[in-house]
PDB file of N, CA and C in Angstrom:
ATOM      1  N   MET A   1      53.526  61.318  70.285  1.00  0.00           N
ATOM      2  CA  MET A   1      54.586  61.055  71.249  1.00  0.00           C
ATOM      3  C   MET A   1      54.781  62.302  72.126  1.00  0.00           C
ATOM      4  N   PRO A   2      54.801  62.129  73.460  1.00  0.00           N
ATOM      5  CA  PRO A   2      54.949  63.288  74.345  1.00  0.00           C
ATOM      6  C   PRO A   2      56.353  63.891  74.262  1.00  0.00           C
ATOM      7  N   ARG A   3      56.385  65.176  74.568  1.00  0.00           N
ATOM      8  CA  ARG A   3      57.661  65.891  74.516  1.00  0.00           C
ATOM      9  C   ARG A   3      58.516  65.481  75.711  1.00  0.00           C
ATOM     10  N   SER A   4      59.796  65.199  75.456  1.00  0.00           N
ATOM     11  CA  SER A   4      60.702  64.763  76.526  1.00  0.00           C
ATOM     12  C   SER A   4      61.597  65.932  76.953  1.00  0.00           C
ATOM     13  N   VAL A   5      61.492  66.284  78.210  1.00  0.00           N
ATOM     14  CA  VAL A   5      62.376  67.324  78.758  1.00  0.00           C
ATOM     15  C   VAL A   5      63.071  66.745  79.974  1.00  0.00           C
ATOM     16  N   ASN A   6      64.313  67.108  80.138  1.00  0.00           N
ATOM     17  CA  ASN A   6      65.109  66.566  81.252  1.00  0.00           C
ATOM     18  C   ASN A   6      64.904  67.448  82.488  1.00  0.00           C
ATOM     19  N   VAL A   7      63.768  67.259  83.136  1.00  0.00           N
ATOM     20  CA  VAL A   7      63.421  68.089  84.292  1.00  0.00           C
ATOM     21  C   VAL A   7      64.385  67.860  85.451  1.00  0.00           C
ATOM     22  N   VAL A   8      64.874  66.647  85.594  1.00  0.00           N
ATOM     23  CA  VAL A   8      65.768  66.336  86.709  1.00  0.00           C
ATOM     24  C   VAL A   8      67.021  67.205  86.642  1.00  0.00           C
ATOM     25  N   ALA A   9      67.641  67.272  85.456  1.00  0.00           N
ATOM     26  CA  ALA A   9      68.861  68.061  85.297  1.00  0.00           C
ATOM     27  C   ALA A   9      68.569  69.552  85.430  1.00  0.00           C
ATOM     28  N   ALA A  10      67.440  70.007  84.867  1.00  0.00           N
ATOM     29  CA  ALA A  10      67.092  71.427  84.939  1.00  0.00           C
ATOM     30  C   ALA A  10      66.869  71.849  86.386  1.00  0.00           C
ATOM     31  N   ARG A  11      66.147  71.013  87.144  1.00  0.00           N
ATOM     32  CA  ARG A  11      65.898  71.332  88.548  1.00  0.00           C
ATOM     33  C   ARG A  11      67.205  71.361  89.330  1.00  0.00           C
ATOM     34  N   HIS A  12      68.086  70.411  89.055  1.00  0.00           N
ATOM     35  CA  HIS A  12      69.388  70.360  89.741  1.00  0.00           C
ATOM     36  C   HIS A  12      70.181  71.641  89.484  1.00  0.00           C
ATOM     37  N   ARG A  13      70.181  72.065  88.217  1.00  0.00           N
ATOM     38  CA  ARG A  13      70.912  73.277  87.835  1.00  0.00           C
ATOM     39  C   ARG A  13      70.334  74.505  88.545  1.00  0.00           C
ATOM     40  N   ARG A  14      68.995  74.603  88.588  1.00  0.00           N
ATOM     41  CA  ARG A  14      68.365  75.743  89.236  1.00  0.00           C
ATOM     42  C   ARG A  14      68.582  75.730  90.744  1.00  0.00           C
ATOM     43  N   LYS A  15      68.523  74.542  91.337  1.00  0.00           N
ATOM     44  CA  LYS A  15      68.753  74.434  92.779  1.00  0.00           C
ATOM     45  C   LYS A  15      70.162  74.882  93.143  1.00  0.00           C
ATOM     46  N   LYS A  16      71.111  74.512  92.278  1.00  0.00           N
ATOM     47  CA  LYS A  16      72.508  74.883  92.516  1.00  0.00           C
ATOM     48  C   LYS A  16      72.660  76.407  92.528  1.00  0.00           C
ATOM     49  N   VAL A  17      72.032  77.070  91.556  1.00  0.00           N
ATOM     50  CA  VAL A  17      72.113  78.536  91.482  1.00  0.00           C
ATOM     51  C   VAL A  17      71.395  79.165  92.669  1.00  0.00           C
ATOM     52  N   MET A  18      70.206  78.647  93.021  1.00  0.00           N
ATOM     53  CA  MET A  18      69.458  79.211  94.141  1.00  0.00           C
ATOM     54  C   MET A  18      70.217  79.045  95.458  1.00  0.00           C
ATOM     55  N   LYS A  19      70.954  77.953  95.582  1.00  0.00           N
ATOM     56  CA  LYS A  19      71.766  77.752  96.776  1.00  0.00           C
ATOM     57  C   LYS A  19      72.883  78.795  96.841  1.00  0.00           C
ATOM     58  N   MET A  20      73.453  79.129  95.673  1.00  0.00           N
ATOM     59  CA  MET A  20      74.501  80.148  95.633  1.00  0.00           C
ATOM     60  C   MET A  20      73.942  81.535  95.953  1.00  0.00           C
ATOM     61  N   ALA A  21      72.639  81.747  95.732  1.00  0.00           N
ATOM     62  CA  ALA A  21      72.011  83.046  95.967  1.00  0.00           C
ATOM     63  C   ALA A  21      71.583  83.225  97.422  1.00  0.00           C
ATOM     64  N   LYS A  22      71.835  82.240  98.274  1.00  0.00           N
ATOM     65  CA  LYS A  22      71.481  82.343  99.690  1.00  0.00           C
ATOM     66  C   LYS A  22      72.177  83.544 100.310  1.00  0.00           C
ATOM     67  N   GLY A  23      71.449  84.298 101.112  1.00  0.00           N
ATOM     68  CA  GLY A  23      72.022  85.452 101.775  1.00  0.00           C
ATOM     69  C   GLY A  23      71.845  86.740 100.996  1.00  0.00           C
ATOM     70  N   TYR A  24      71.388  86.649  99.758  1.00  0.00           N
ATOM     71  CA  TYR A  24      71.114  87.858  98.994  1.00  0.00           C
ATOM     72  C   TYR A  24      69.835  88.498  99.525  1.00  0.00           C
ATOM     73  N   PHE A  25      69.610  89.774  99.203  1.00  0.00           N
ATOM     74  CA  PHE A  25      68.486  90.541  99.753  1.00  0.00           C
ATOM     75  C   PHE A  25      67.335  90.593  98.752  1.00  0.00           C
ATOM     76  N   GLY A  26      66.134  90.486  99.262  1.00  0.00           N
ATOM     77  CA  GLY A  26      64.940  90.675  98.439  1.00  0.00           C
ATOM     78  C   GLY A  26      64.728  89.557  97.433  1.00  0.00           C
ATOM     79  N   ARG A  27      64.276  89.932  96.218  1.00  0.00           N
ATOM     80  CA  ARG A  27      63.958  88.931  95.196  1.00  0.00           C
ATOM     81  C   ARG A  27      65.196  88.229  94.667  1.00  0.00           C
ATOM     82  N   ARG A  28      66.371  88.773  94.946  1.00  0.00           N
ATOM     83  CA  ARG A  28      67.592  88.160  94.444  1.00  0.00           C
ATOM     84  C   ARG A  28      67.810  86.769  95.045  1.00  0.00           C
ATOM     85  N   LYS A  29      67.186  86.484  96.181  1.00  0.00           N
ATOM     86  CA  LYS A  29      67.420  85.186  96.821  1.00  0.00           C
ATOM     87  C   LYS A  29      66.371  84.139  96.488  1.00  0.00           C
ATOM     88  N   ASN A  30      65.165  84.552  95.973  1.00  0.00           N
ATOM     89  CA  ASN A  30      64.125  83.536  95.804  1.00  0.00           C
ATOM     90  C   ASN A  30      63.386  83.578  94.474  1.00  0.00           C
ATOM     91  N   VAL A  31      63.684  84.522  93.591  1.00  0.00           N
ATOM     92  CA  VAL A  31      63.072  84.544  92.268  1.00  0.00           C
ATOM     93  C   VAL A  31      64.128  84.101  91.267  1.00  0.00           C
ATOM     94  N   TRP A  32      63.804  83.047  90.505  1.00  0.00           N
ATOM     95  CA  TRP A  32      64.794  82.387  89.663  1.00  0.00           C
ATOM     96  C   TRP A  32      65.523  83.343  88.727  1.00  0.00           C
ATOM     97  N   THR A  33      64.792  84.148  87.941  1.00  0.00           N
ATOM     98  CA  THR A  33      65.451  84.970  86.925  1.00  0.00           C
ATOM     99  C   THR A  33      66.340  86.037  87.569  1.00  0.00           C
ATOM    100  N   VAL A  34      65.866  86.622  88.663  1.00  0.00           N
ATOM    101  CA  VAL A  34      66.654  87.655  89.347  1.00  0.00           C
ATOM    102  C   VAL A  34      67.870  87.019  90.027  1.00  0.00           C
ATOM    103  N   ALA A  35      67.649  85.870  90.670  1.00  0.00           N
ATOM    104  CA  ALA A  35      68.745  85.182  91.371  1.00  0.00           C
ATOM    105  C   ALA A  35      69.821  84.732  90.393  1.00  0.00           C
ATOM    106  N   LYS A  36      69.398  84.226  89.234  1.00  0.00           N
ATOM    107  CA  LYS A  36      70.369  83.760  88.230  1.00  0.00           C
ATOM    108  C   LYS A  36      71.266  84.906  87.788  1.00  0.00           C
ATOM    109  N   ASN A  37      70.664  86.066  87.510  1.00  0.00           N
ATOM    110  CA  ASN A  37      71.447  87.233  87.092  1.00  0.00           C
ATOM    111  C   ASN A  37      72.391  87.701  88.194  1.00  0.00           C
ATOM    112  N   ALA A  38      71.890  87.697  89.434  1.00  0.00           N
ATOM    113  CA  ALA A  38      72.705  88.150  90.559  1.00  0.00           C
ATOM    114  C   ALA A  38      73.892  87.221  90.783  1.00  0.00           C
ATOM    115  N   VAL A  39      73.662  85.913  90.681  1.00  0.00           N
ATOM    116  CA  VAL A  39      74.733  84.941  90.897  1.00  0.00           C
ATOM    117  C   VAL A  39      75.772  85.044  89.780  1.00  0.00           C
ATOM    118  N   GLU A  40      75.319  85.178  88.529  1.00  0.00           N
ATOM    119  CA  GLU A  40      76.261  85.317  87.408  1.00  0.00           C
ATOM    120  C   GLU A  40      77.132  86.548  87.589  1.00  0.00           C
ATOM    121  N   LYS A  41      76.525  87.661  87.979  1.00  0.00           N
ATOM    122  CA  LYS A  41      77.280  88.898  88.194  1.00  0.00           C
ATOM    123  C   LYS A  41      78.268  88.717  89.344  1.00  0.00           C
ATOM    124  N   GLY A  42      77.819  88.043  90.404  1.00  0.00           N
ATOM    125  CA  GLY A  42      78.695  87.793  91.547  1.00  0.00           C
ATOM    126  C   GLY A  42      79.899  86.953  91.168  1.00  0.00           C
ATOM    127  N   LEU A  43      79.679  85.939  90.334  1.00  0.00           N
ATOM    128  CA  LEU A  43      80.790  85.093  89.900  1.00  0.00           C
ATOM    129  C   LEU A  43      81.773  85.874  89.027  1.00  0.00           C
ATOM    130  N   LEU A  44      81.249  86.792  88.201  1.00  0.00           N
ATOM    131  CA  LEU A  44      82.130  87.644  87.393  1.00  0.00           C
ATOM    132  C   LEU A  44      82.995  88.524  88.283  1.00  0.00           C
ATOM    133  N   TYR A  45      82.376  89.120  89.305  1.00  0.00           N
ATOM    134  CA  TYR A  45      83.138  89.954  90.237  1.00  0.00           C
ATOM    135  C   TYR A  45      84.205  89.129  90.955  1.00  0.00           C
ATOM    136  N   ALA A  46      83.850  87.911  91.350  1.00  0.00           N
ATOM    137  CA  ALA A  46      84.792  87.063  92.075  1.00  0.00           C
ATOM    138  C   ALA A  46      86.006  86.737  91.205  1.00  0.00           C
ATOM    139  N   TYR A  47      85.753  86.411  89.937  1.00  0.00           N
ATOM    140  CA  TYR A  47      86.843  86.095  89.006  1.00  0.00           C
ATOM    141  C   TYR A  47      87.735  87.315  88.811  1.00  0.00           C
ATOM    142  N   ARG A  48      87.101  88.467  88.554  1.00  0.00           N
ATOM    143  CA  ARG A  48      87.859  89.693  88.315  1.00  0.00           C
ATOM    144  C   ARG A  48      88.698  90.071  89.539  1.00  0.00           C
ATOM    145  N   ASP A  49      88.103  89.956  90.720  1.00  0.00           N
ATOM    146  CA  ASP A  49      88.776  90.444  91.916  1.00  0.00           C
ATOM    147  C   ASP A  49      89.830  89.482  92.448  1.00  0.00           C
ATOM    148  N   ARG A  50      89.811  88.228  92.027  1.00  0.00           N
ATOM    149  CA  ARG A  50      90.938  87.346  92.360  1.00  0.00           C
ATOM    150  C   ARG A  50      92.203  87.863  91.685  1.00  0.00           C
ATOM    151  N   LYS A  51      92.064  88.418  90.491  1.00  0.00           N
ATOM    152  CA  LYS A  51      93.216  88.998  89.789  1.00  0.00           C
ATOM    153  C   LYS A  51      93.598  90.344  90.427  1.00  0.00           C
ATOM    154  N   ALA A  52      92.581  91.165  90.741  1.00  0.00           N
ATOM    155  CA  ALA A  52      92.840  92.489  91.313  1.00  0.00           C
ATOM    156  C   ALA A  52      93.506  92.383  92.683  1.00  0.00           C
ATOM    157  N   LYS A  53      93.162  91.342  93.428  1.00  0.00           N
ATOM    158  CA  LYS A  53      93.733  91.134  94.759  1.00  0.00           C
ATOM    159  C   LYS A  53      95.249  90.996  94.685  1.00  0.00           C
ATOM    160  N   LYS A  54      95.733  90.289  93.682  1.00  0.00           N
ATOM    161  CA  LYS A  54      97.175  90.117  93.502  1.00  0.00           C
ATOM    162  C   LYS A  54      97.849  91.455  93.229  1.00  0.00           C
ATOM    163  N   ARG A  55      97.207  92.278  92.378  1.00  0.00           N
ATOM    164  CA  ARG A  55      97.755  93.610  92.075  1.00  0.00           C
ATOM    165  C   ARG A  55      97.774  94.478  93.322  1.00  0.00           C
ATOM    166  N   ASP A  56      96.677  94.438  94.095  1.00  0.00           N
ATOM    167  CA  ASP A  56      96.564  95.284  95.279  1.00  0.00           C
ATOM    168  C   ASP A  56      97.624  94.931  96.316  1.00  0.00           C
ATOM    169  N   PHE A  57      97.839  93.636  96.528  1.00  0.00           N
ATOM    170  CA  PHE A  57      98.826  93.234  97.523  1.00  0.00           C
ATOM    171  C   PHE A  57     100.239  93.592  97.084  1.00  0.00           C
ATOM    172  N   ARG A  58     100.540  93.426  95.796  1.00  0.00           N
ATOM    173  CA  ARG A  58     101.874  93.800  95.313  1.00  0.00           C
ATOM    174  C   ARG A  58     102.118  95.300  95.523  1.00  0.00           C
ATOM    175  N   ALA A  59     101.108  96.115  95.239  1.00  0.00           N
ATOM    176  CA  ALA A  59     101.238  97.560  95.442  1.00  0.00           C
ATOM    177  C   ALA A  59     101.451  97.885  96.922  1.00  0.00           C
ATOM    178  N   LEU A  60     100.744  97.189  97.809  1.00  0.00           N
ATOM    179  CA  LEU A  60     100.896  97.408  99.244  1.00  0.00           C
ATOM    180  C   LEU A  60     102.300  97.042  99.699  1.00  0.00           C
ATOM    181  N   TRP A  61     102.813  95.896  99.219  1.00  0.00           N
ATOM    182  CA  TRP A  61     104.163  95.468  99.595  1.00  0.00           C
ATOM    183  C   TRP A  61     105.198  96.495  99.145  1.00  0.00           C
ATOM    184  N   ILE A  62     105.036  97.022  97.935  1.00  0.00           N
ATOM    185  CA  ILE A  62     105.985  98.004  97.411  1.00  0.00           C
ATOM    186  C   ILE A  62     105.961  99.265  98.265  1.00  0.00           C
ATOM    187  N   GLN A  63     104.776  99.715  98.682  1.00  0.00           N
ATOM    188  CA  GLN A  63     104.682 100.901  99.539  1.00  0.00           C
ATOM    189  C   GLN A  63     105.382 100.675 100.871  1.00  0.00           C
ATOM    190  N   ARG A  64     105.207  99.508 101.438  1.00  0.00           N
ATOM    191  CA  ARG A  64     105.827  99.214 102.738  1.00  0.00           C
ATOM    192  C   ARG A  64     107.349  99.124 102.619  1.00  0.00           C
ATOM    193  N   ILE A  65     107.826  98.491 101.540  1.00  0.00           N
ATOM    194  CA  ILE A  65     109.274  98.398 101.326  1.00  0.00           C
ATOM    195  C   ILE A  65     109.856  99.792 101.112  1.00  0.00           C
ATOM    196  N   ASN A  66     109.172 100.609 100.338  1.00  0.00           N
ATOM    197  CA  ASN A  66     109.636 101.972 100.067  1.00  0.00           C
ATOM    198  C   ASN A  66     109.726 102.778 101.361  1.00  0.00           C
ATOM    199  N   ALA A  67     108.703 102.659 102.207  1.00  0.00           N
ATOM    200  CA  ALA A  67     108.715 103.387 103.478  1.00  0.00           C
ATOM    201  C   ALA A  67     109.881 102.931 104.350  1.00  0.00           C
ATOM    202  N   GLY A  68     110.109 101.611 104.405  1.00  0.00           N
ATOM    203  CA  GLY A  68     111.224 101.091 105.197  1.00  0.00           C
ATOM    204  C   GLY A  68     112.568 101.506 104.635  1.00  0.00           C
ATOM    205  N   ALA A  69     112.687 101.524 103.307  1.00  0.00           N
ATOM    206  CA  ALA A  69     113.954 101.895 102.677  1.00  0.00           C
ATOM    207  C   ALA A  69     114.264 103.368 102.907  1.00  0.00           C
ATOM    208  N   ARG A  70     113.239 104.218 102.823  1.00  0.00           N
ATOM    209  CA  ARG A  70     113.456 105.663 102.990  1.00  0.00           C
ATOM    210  C   ARG A  70     113.851 106.027 104.419  1.00  0.00           C
ATOM    211  N   GLU A  71     113.482 105.188 105.394  1.00  0.00           N
ATOM    212  CA  GLU A  71     113.947 105.406 106.772  1.00  0.00           C
ATOM    213  C   GLU A  71     115.461 105.260 106.865  1.00  0.00           C
ATOM    214  N   HIS A  72     116.041 104.483 105.947  1.00  0.00           N
ATOM    215  CA  HIS A  72     117.486 104.246 105.947  1.00  0.00           C
ATOM    216  C   HIS A  72     118.185 104.999 104.826  1.00  0.00           C
ATOM    217  N   GLY A  73     117.494 105.967 104.224  1.00  0.00           N
ATOM    218  CA  GLY A  73     118.126 106.834 103.235  1.00  0.00           C
ATOM    219  C   GLY A  73     118.225 106.271 101.833  1.00  0.00           C
ATOM    220  N   LEU A  74     117.414 105.294 101.512  1.00  0.00           N
ATOM    221  CA  LEU A  74     117.392 104.739 100.158  1.00  0.00           C
ATOM    222  C   LEU A  74     115.990 104.868  99.585  1.00  0.00           C
ATOM    223  N   SER A  75     115.905 104.861  98.263  1.00  0.00           N
ATOM    224  CA  SER A  75     114.591 104.781  97.635  1.00  0.00           C
ATOM    225  C   SER A  75     114.299 103.316  97.324  1.00  0.00           C
ATOM    226  N   TYR A  76     113.058 103.050  96.975  1.00  0.00           N
ATOM    227  CA  TYR A  76     112.647 101.676  96.655  1.00  0.00           C
ATOM    228  C   TYR A  76     113.455 101.117  95.498  1.00  0.00           C
ATOM    229  N   SER A  77     113.584 101.915  94.428  1.00  0.00           N
ATOM    230  CA  SER A  77     114.246 101.404  93.225  1.00  0.00           C
ATOM    231  C   SER A  77     115.724 101.138  93.474  1.00  0.00           C
ATOM    232  N   VAL A  78     116.379 102.001  94.256  1.00  0.00           N
ATOM    233  CA  VAL A  78     117.796 101.799  94.576  1.00  0.00           C
ATOM    234  C   VAL A  78     117.948 100.535  95.413  1.00  0.00           C
ATOM    235  N   LEU A  79     117.052 100.345  96.376  1.00  0.00           N
ATOM    236  CA  LEU A  79     117.100  99.146  97.221  1.00  0.00           C
ATOM    237  C   LEU A  79     116.931  97.877  96.388  1.00  0.00           C
ATOM    238  N   MET A  80     115.926  97.858  95.508  1.00  0.00           N
ATOM    239  CA  MET A  80     115.661  96.654  94.716  1.00  0.00           C
ATOM    240  C   MET A  80     116.807  96.378  93.745  1.00  0.00           C
ATOM    241  N   GLY A  81     117.367  97.430  93.158  1.00  0.00           N
ATOM    242  CA  GLY A  81     118.525  97.253  92.279  1.00  0.00           C
ATOM    243  C   GLY A  81     119.723  96.719  93.029  1.00  0.00           C
ATOM    244  N   GLY A  82     119.921  97.222  94.240  1.00  0.00           N
ATOM    245  CA  GLY A  82     121.030  96.744  95.073  1.00  0.00           C
ATOM    246  C   GLY A  82     120.861  95.297  95.497  1.00  0.00           C
ATOM    247  N   LEU A  83     119.634  94.906  95.799  1.00  0.00           N
ATOM    248  CA  LEU A  83     119.364  93.505  96.158  1.00  0.00           C
ATOM    249  C   LEU A  83     119.698  92.584  94.997  1.00  0.00           C
ATOM    250  N   LYS A  84     119.347  93.027  93.789  1.00  0.00           N
ATOM    251  CA  LYS A  84     119.629  92.230  92.589  1.00  0.00           C
ATOM    252  C   LYS A  84     121.137  92.063  92.403  1.00  0.00           C
ATOM    253  N   LYS A  85     121.877  93.162  92.582  1.00  0.00           N
ATOM    254  CA  LYS A  85     123.340  93.117  92.409  1.00  0.00           C
ATOM    255  C   LYS A  85     124.016  92.267  93.473  1.00  0.00           C
ATOM    256  N   ALA A  86     123.468  92.330  94.702  1.00  0.00           N
ATOM    257  CA  ALA A  86     124.051  91.573  95.819  1.00  0.00           C
ATOM    258  C   ALA A  86     123.587  90.120  95.841  1.00  0.00           C
ATOM    259  N   ASN A  87     122.798  89.718  94.838  1.00  0.00           N
ATOM    260  CA  ASN A  87     122.254  88.356  94.753  1.00  0.00           C
ATOM    261  C   ASN A  87     121.480  87.948  96.003  1.00  0.00           C
ATOM    262  N   ILE A  88     120.699  88.874  96.518  1.00  0.00           N
ATOM    263  CA  ILE A  88     119.804  88.584  97.647  1.00  0.00           C
ATOM    264  C   ILE A  88     118.426  88.337  97.055  1.00  0.00           C
ATOM    265  N   ASP A  89     117.987  87.090  97.072  1.00  0.00           N
ATOM    266  CA  ASP A  89     116.723  86.717  96.445  1.00  0.00           C
ATOM    267  C   ASP A  89     115.601  86.656  97.487  1.00  0.00           C
ATOM    268  N   LEU A  90     115.065  87.821  97.820  1.00  0.00           N
ATOM    269  CA  LEU A  90     113.893  87.891  98.697  1.00  0.00           C
ATOM    270  C   LEU A  90     112.767  88.534  97.909  1.00  0.00           C
ATOM    271  N   ASN A  91     111.591  87.929  97.973  1.00  0.00           N
ATOM    272  CA  ASN A  91     110.471  88.522  97.237  1.00  0.00           C
ATOM    273  C   ASN A  91     109.876  89.691  98.011  1.00  0.00           C
ATOM    274  N   ARG A  92     108.992  90.423  97.355  1.00  0.00           N
ATOM    275  CA  ARG A  92     108.448  91.647  97.935  1.00  0.00           C
ATOM    276  C   ARG A  92     107.588  91.367  99.164  1.00  0.00           C
ATOM    277  N   LYS A  93     106.930  90.223  99.177  1.00  0.00           N
ATOM    278  CA  LYS A  93     106.088  89.876 100.321  1.00  0.00           C
ATOM    279  C   LYS A  93     106.938  89.741 101.587  1.00  0.00           C
ATOM    280  N   VAL A  94     108.066  89.048 101.464  1.00  0.00           N
ATOM    281  CA  VAL A  94     108.945  88.832 102.613  1.00  0.00           C
ATOM    282  C   VAL A  94     109.605  90.145 103.030  1.00  0.00           C
ATOM    283  N   LEU A  95     110.067  90.928 102.047  1.00  0.00           N
ATOM    284  CA  LEU A  95     110.698  92.212 102.358  1.00  0.00           C
ATOM    285  C   LEU A  95     109.728  93.146 103.080  1.00  0.00           C
ATOM    286  N   ALA A  96     108.471  93.179 102.627  1.00  0.00           N
ATOM    287  CA  ALA A  96     107.475  94.032 103.267  1.00  0.00           C
ATOM    288  C   ALA A  96     107.218  93.585 104.701  1.00  0.00           C
ATOM    289  N   ASP A  97     107.182  92.277 104.926  1.00  0.00           N
ATOM    290  CA  ASP A  97     106.976  91.756 106.273  1.00  0.00           C
ATOM    291  C   ASP A  97     108.143  92.132 107.172  1.00  0.00           C
ATOM    292  N   LEU A  98     109.370  92.018 106.639  1.00  0.00           N
ATOM    293  CA  LEU A  98     110.546  92.402 107.424  1.00  0.00           C
ATOM    294  C   LEU A  98     110.516  93.899 107.746  1.00  0.00           C
ATOM    295  N   ALA A  99     110.166  94.714 106.763  1.00  0.00           N
ATOM    296  CA  ALA A  99     110.132  96.163 106.974  1.00  0.00           C
ATOM    297  C   ALA A  99     109.111  96.546 108.045  1.00  0.00           C
ATOM    298  N   MET A 100     107.979  95.831 108.068  1.00  0.00           N
ATOM    299  CA  MET A 100     106.913  96.161 109.023  1.00  0.00           C
ATOM    300  C   MET A 100     107.188  95.586 110.414  1.00  0.00           C
ATOM    301  N   ASN A 101     107.490  94.291 110.470  1.00  0.00           N
ATOM    302  CA  ASN A 101     107.489  93.576 111.747  1.00  0.00           C
ATOM    303  C   ASN A 101     108.865  93.305 112.335  1.00  0.00           C
ATOM    304  N   HIS A 102     109.907  93.358 111.501  1.00  0.00           N
ATOM    305  CA  HIS A 102     111.269  93.078 111.975  1.00  0.00           C
ATOM    306  C   HIS A 102     112.229  94.131 111.433  1.00  0.00           C
ATOM    307  N   PRO A 103     112.135  95.371 111.941  1.00  0.00           N
ATOM    308  CA  PRO A 103     112.945  96.449 111.364  1.00  0.00           C
ATOM    309  C   PRO A 103     114.451  96.229 111.492  1.00  0.00           C
ATOM    310  N   GLU A 104     114.898  95.529 112.536  1.00  0.00           N
ATOM    311  CA  GLU A 104     116.346  95.294 112.686  1.00  0.00           C
ATOM    312  C   GLU A 104     116.857  94.341 111.604  1.00  0.00           C
ATOM    313  N   ALA A 105     116.063  93.340 111.255  1.00  0.00           N
ATOM    314  CA  ALA A 105     116.452  92.423 110.171  1.00  0.00           C
ATOM    315  C   ALA A 105     116.435  93.162 108.831  1.00  0.00           C
ATOM    316  N   PHE A 106     115.462  94.027 108.641  1.00  0.00           N
ATOM    317  CA  PHE A 106     115.392  94.810 107.402  1.00  0.00           C
ATOM    318  C   PHE A 106     116.595  95.744 107.306  1.00  0.00           C
ATOM    319  N   LYS A 107     117.027  96.293 108.467  1.00  0.00           N
ATOM    320  CA  LYS A 107     118.183  97.197 108.472  1.00  0.00           C
ATOM    321  C   LYS A 107     119.449  96.462 108.042  1.00  0.00           C
ATOM    322  N   THR A 108     119.617  95.224 108.463  1.00  0.00           N
ATOM    323  CA  THR A 108     120.814  94.464 108.053  1.00  0.00           C
ATOM    324  C   THR A 108     120.816  94.228 106.543  1.00  0.00           C
ATOM    325  N   ILE A 109     119.647  94.003 105.979  1.00  0.00           N
ATOM    326  CA  ILE A 109     119.549  93.830 104.518  1.00  0.00           C
ATOM    327  C   ILE A 109     119.896  95.123 103.817  1.00  0.00           C
ATOM    328  N   VAL A 110     119.394  96.241 104.330  1.00  0.00           N
ATOM    329  CA  VAL A 110     119.692  97.544 103.727  1.00  0.00           C
ATOM    330  C   VAL A 110     121.185  97.844 103.827  1.00  0.00           C
ATOM    331  N   ASP A 111     121.796  97.486 104.948  1.00  0.00           N
ATOM    332  CA  ASP A 111     123.235  97.721 105.115  1.00  0.00           C
ATOM    333  C   ASP A 111     124.057  96.913 104.115  1.00  0.00           C
ATOM    334  N   LYS A 112     123.628  95.694 103.815  1.00  0.00           N
ATOM    335  CA  LYS A 112     124.325  94.889 102.791  1.00  0.00           C
ATOM    336  C   LYS A 112     124.209  95.521 101.422  1.00  0.00           C
ATOM    337  N   VAL A 113     123.060  96.137 101.153  1.00  0.00           N
ATOM    338  CA  VAL A 113     122.861  96.790  99.858  1.00  0.00           C
ATOM    339  C   VAL A 113     123.748  98.025  99.747  1.00  0.00           C
ATOM    340  N   LYS A 114     123.865  98.753 100.841  1.00  0.00           N
ATOM    341  CA  LYS A 114     124.700  99.969 100.840  1.00  0.00           C
ATOM    342  C   LYS A 114     126.160  99.589 100.648  1.00  0.00           C
TER     343      LYS A 114
END
């Protein structure tokens, strides 16, 4: 009895990986074993950096809020504590946008905290 291998599924799987390797340089785009390793590594980086992106943006927002707060004589921590006490529920993304693009609106928020 001949050996049965599911070539259709194997080819589909390899084609999928090779399609993901499009745009890579050298053997990474057209040699199966090299392309498979490159694509797996790329997917790991993508997964890791989706998490890192959230951390990076939060850090950026905090820096922008701190810079805006210090222009009005407050530190970041004092501002955030004051917002909590005043029951002003604005997240860091919105506060950073106000500090950067709408300084007069940010000033009114800081004045309420003071």
